Protein backbone atom coordinates (compact mmCIF):
# COMPACT_ATOMS: atom_id res chain seq x y z
CA MET A 1 -0.02 -0.02 -0.02
CA GLN A 2 2.82 2.43 0.80
CA GLU A 3 4.36 1.96 -2.60
CA GLU A 4 0.97 2.53 -4.20
CA LEU A 5 0.43 5.70 -2.17
CA ARG A 6 3.91 6.94 -3.21
CA GLU A 7 3.31 6.38 -6.87
CA SER A 8 -0.21 7.98 -6.68
CA ARG A 9 1.20 11.04 -4.93
CA GLN A 10 3.95 11.29 -7.54
CA GLU A 11 1.41 11.07 -10.38
CA LEU A 12 -0.72 13.78 -8.78
CA VAL A 13 2.04 16.25 -8.07
CA ASP A 14 4.34 15.73 -11.06
CA ARG A 15 1.70 15.30 -13.80
CA ARG A 16 -1.90 16.02 -12.81
CA LEU A 17 -1.48 19.31 -10.95
CA PRO A 18 0.87 20.90 -13.49
CA TRP A 19 -1.45 19.87 -16.29
CA LEU A 20 -4.32 21.62 -14.43
CA GLY A 21 -2.26 24.83 -14.23
CA ILE A 22 -0.40 24.80 -10.94
CA GLU A 23 3.00 26.36 -11.68
CA ASP A 24 4.41 27.48 -8.29
CA GLN A 25 7.18 24.98 -7.54
CA ARG A 26 7.04 25.81 -3.77
CA VAL A 27 3.35 24.82 -3.78
CA LEU A 28 4.07 21.65 -5.77
CA GLU A 29 6.80 20.72 -3.33
CA ALA A 30 4.44 21.32 -0.39
CA MET A 31 1.88 19.09 -1.99
CA ARG A 32 4.61 16.43 -2.51
CA GLN A 33 5.56 16.58 1.12
CA ALA A 34 2.18 16.83 2.89
CA PRO A 35 0.91 13.23 3.39
CA ARG A 36 -2.79 13.53 2.35
CA HIS A 37 -3.30 9.85 3.17
CA ARG A 38 -2.77 10.66 6.90
CA PHE A 39 -5.84 13.01 6.82
CA VAL A 40 -8.36 10.61 5.25
CA SER A 41 -10.14 7.58 6.90
CA GLU A 42 -8.92 4.06 6.47
CA ASP A 43 -11.63 3.12 3.92
CA GLN A 44 -10.54 6.11 1.78
CA LEU A 45 -6.84 5.28 1.64
CA ASP A 46 -6.90 4.06 -1.98
CA ARG A 47 -8.40 7.43 -2.99
CA ALA A 48 -6.04 9.60 -0.97
CA TYR A 49 -4.25 11.02 -3.99
CA VAL A 50 -7.23 10.95 -6.47
CA ASN A 51 -8.13 14.50 -7.46
CA ARG A 52 -11.43 14.69 -5.78
CA ALA A 53 -12.91 15.79 -2.48
CA LEU A 54 -13.56 13.02 0.04
CA PRO A 55 -15.95 12.87 3.06
CA ILE A 56 -14.49 13.28 6.55
CA GLY A 57 -17.61 13.00 8.55
CA PHE A 58 -20.00 15.66 10.14
CA GLY A 59 -21.10 16.65 6.58
CA GLN A 60 -17.57 17.93 5.79
CA THR A 61 -15.02 17.07 3.07
CA ILE A 62 -11.26 17.19 2.51
CA SER A 63 -10.95 19.40 -0.57
CA GLN A 64 -9.66 17.94 -3.88
CA PRO A 65 -5.93 18.36 -4.19
CA TYR A 66 -6.15 20.76 -7.16
CA VAL A 67 -8.30 23.20 -5.13
CA VAL A 68 -5.90 23.00 -2.18
CA ALA A 69 -3.00 23.73 -4.46
CA LEU A 70 -4.79 26.52 -6.30
CA MET A 71 -5.91 28.26 -3.11
CA THR A 72 -2.37 27.93 -1.71
CA GLU A 73 -0.85 29.35 -4.86
CA LEU A 74 -3.20 32.29 -4.84
CA LEU A 75 -2.04 33.24 -1.32
CA ASP A 76 1.44 33.81 -2.69
CA LEU A 77 3.02 32.93 0.60
CA GLN A 78 6.66 33.65 1.47
CA GLU A 79 8.69 31.90 4.12
CA GLY A 80 7.86 33.35 7.56
CA ASP A 81 4.48 34.79 6.53
CA LYS A 82 1.64 34.57 8.98
CA VAL A 83 -1.31 32.68 7.67
CA LEU A 84 -4.79 31.94 9.02
CA GLU A 85 -7.00 29.12 7.89
CA VAL A 86 -10.76 29.21 8.57
CA GLY A 87 -12.19 25.68 8.50
CA THR A 88 -9.49 23.25 9.59
CA GLY A 89 -11.56 20.21 8.64
CA SER A 90 -9.19 17.22 8.27
CA GLY A 91 -6.09 19.40 8.72
CA TYR A 92 -4.70 18.71 5.27
CA GLN A 93 -4.82 22.27 3.95
CA ALA A 94 -3.09 23.47 7.18
CA ALA A 95 -0.39 20.86 6.54
CA VAL A 96 0.23 22.17 3.10
CA LEU A 97 0.39 25.74 4.48
CA ALA A 98 2.84 24.57 7.18
CA GLU A 99 5.14 23.35 4.43
CA MET A 100 5.25 26.86 3.11
CA THR A 101 5.65 28.80 6.42
CA ASP A 102 6.07 28.06 10.14
CA GLN A 103 3.46 30.54 11.26
CA VAL A 104 0.00 28.90 10.72
CA TRP A 105 -3.18 29.36 12.71
CA SER A 106 -6.38 27.34 11.97
CA ILE A 107 -9.94 27.57 13.27
CA GLU A 108 -12.50 24.81 13.18
CA ILE A 109 -16.12 25.10 14.50
CA ILE A 110 -16.80 21.36 14.84
CA PRO A 111 -15.11 20.23 18.16
CA GLU A 112 -14.48 16.59 17.04
CA LEU A 113 -12.73 17.76 13.75
CA ALA A 114 -10.70 20.31 15.58
CA GLU A 115 -9.46 17.80 18.07
CA GLN A 116 -8.79 15.15 15.48
CA ALA A 117 -6.94 17.51 13.09
CA GLU A 118 -4.84 18.88 15.90
CA GLN A 119 -3.74 15.34 16.91
CA VAL A 120 -2.80 14.40 13.32
CA LEU A 121 -0.94 17.70 12.79
CA GLU A 122 0.96 17.23 16.05
CA SER A 123 1.84 13.61 15.15
CA LEU A 124 3.39 14.92 11.90
CA ASP A 125 5.28 17.73 13.80
CA TYR A 126 3.47 20.54 11.88
CA PRO A 127 3.72 23.87 13.70
CA VAL A 128 -0.03 24.61 13.47
CA GLU A 129 -2.06 26.11 16.23
CA VAL A 130 -5.67 24.96 16.06
CA LYS A 131 -8.59 26.54 17.91
CA GLN A 132 -12.22 25.39 18.09
CA GLY A 133 -14.51 28.30 17.31
CA ASP A 134 -16.38 30.45 14.79
CA GLY A 135 -13.90 31.36 12.07
CA TYR A 136 -16.10 34.12 10.71
CA PHE A 137 -14.52 36.48 13.21
CA GLY A 138 -10.90 35.34 12.44
CA TRP A 139 -8.28 35.30 15.23
CA PRO A 140 -7.67 38.94 16.11
CA GLU A 141 -5.04 38.04 18.82
CA HIS A 142 -2.63 36.93 16.02
CA ALA A 143 -3.58 39.46 13.30
CA PRO A 144 -2.64 40.88 10.92
CA PHE A 145 -2.10 37.89 8.60
CA ASP A 146 -0.16 37.90 5.36
CA GLY A 147 -2.55 35.24 4.10
CA ILE A 148 -6.02 34.07 5.01
CA VAL A 149 -7.72 31.10 3.41
CA VAL A 150 -11.32 30.05 4.01
CA THR A 151 -12.14 26.38 3.18
CA ALA A 152 -15.92 26.69 3.50
CA ALA A 153 -18.30 29.10 1.72
CA PRO A 154 -19.91 32.01 3.43
CA ASP A 155 -22.66 33.90 1.46
CA HIS A 156 -20.56 37.14 1.65
CA ILE A 157 -17.00 38.20 2.35
CA PRO A 158 -16.50 38.38 6.18
CA GLN A 159 -15.40 41.88 7.08
CA PRO A 160 -13.49 40.80 10.20
CA LEU A 161 -11.19 38.76 7.88
CA VAL A 162 -10.58 41.67 5.59
CA GLN A 163 -9.79 43.83 8.60
CA GLN A 164 -7.27 41.25 9.75
CA LEU A 165 -5.49 41.14 6.45
CA ALA A 166 -1.96 42.62 6.52
CA GLU A 167 -0.88 45.14 4.00
CA GLY A 168 0.01 43.35 0.84
CA GLY A 169 -1.83 40.23 2.05
CA ASN A 170 -4.22 37.92 0.22
CA LEU A 171 -7.55 36.53 1.40
CA VAL A 172 -8.70 33.58 -0.66
CA LEU A 173 -12.23 32.17 -0.22
CA PRO A 174 -15.25 30.73 -1.86
CA VAL A 175 -18.39 32.91 -1.66
CA GLY A 176 -21.95 31.90 -2.57
CA PRO A 177 -25.09 29.86 -1.70
CA ALA A 178 -25.02 26.46 -0.19
CA GLY A 179 -25.77 23.55 -2.51
CA SER A 180 -24.77 25.35 -5.63
CA TYR A 181 -21.66 26.67 -7.43
CA GLN A 182 -19.80 29.40 -5.57
CA THR A 183 -17.14 31.85 -6.77
CA LEU A 184 -13.55 31.63 -5.59
CA TRP A 185 -12.28 35.18 -4.84
CA ARG A 186 -8.89 36.60 -4.02
CA VAL A 187 -9.11 39.86 -2.04
CA THR A 188 -5.88 41.78 -1.81
CA LYS A 189 -5.08 44.72 0.41
CA THR A 190 -2.60 47.23 -1.22
CA ASP A 191 -1.97 50.64 0.22
CA GLY A 192 -5.02 50.36 2.32
CA GLU A 193 -7.19 49.67 -0.73
CA ILE A 194 -9.17 46.46 -1.15
CA ARG A 195 -9.24 44.77 -4.54
CA SER A 196 -11.37 41.64 -5.28
CA GLU A 197 -10.49 39.29 -8.08
CA ASN A 198 -12.91 36.58 -9.42
CA ILE A 199 -10.92 33.34 -9.90
CA THR A 200 -13.24 30.49 -10.86
CA ASP A 201 -16.33 28.53 -10.03
CA VAL A 202 -16.03 26.01 -7.12
CA ILE A 203 -18.22 23.94 -4.82
CA PHE A 204 -17.58 23.96 -1.06
CA VAL A 205 -19.60 23.04 2.01
CA PRO A 206 -21.18 26.18 3.60
CA LEU A 207 -19.40 27.98 6.28
CA ILE A 208 -20.89 26.94 9.62
CA ARG A 209 -21.62 29.76 12.16
CA GLU A 210 -22.27 29.66 15.87
CA GLU A 211 -25.93 30.47 16.69
């Protein structure tokens, strides 16, 4: 199984992702190093490096590798940048981010997923701080962030996240209604001005809020 996983990961990173347009070599190397098979259930192991989203329980999914790579590439992270992830889920996106920089914070609203992701990330020695809570409001204690990525779809761009974005930083998130296509946006802060760029259509689970 280990040899099959290695070959599947190599096929994904060396062929599939570049063919789909991922060009940043640092992102490809991060995808090569982050073990996606550690973030999926035992019965999903044979699909760990297939380019599709997989269920992780609680109505949530681990995003398809291409989308993880695309969102990471859009962040344009540099070594040492501070990055916030909203929606830890399995922890895989956080692992990829941690391959890019050693300052990663991640928020997950579902307690069981937050605990499970934290355990897996710790077992792999990833320097990710995970918190259980409502990610809509970000993590102001650690702001500003050079990059913010949201891995579930709100129906609008959360202003607290825009406010916590550092000068020159990028916020990457899907926006739109649940159960339908959403739009992936990159929001950039330059000289205090906010610019929004429409990237592509995507499908994400909705961003869960605390009542």
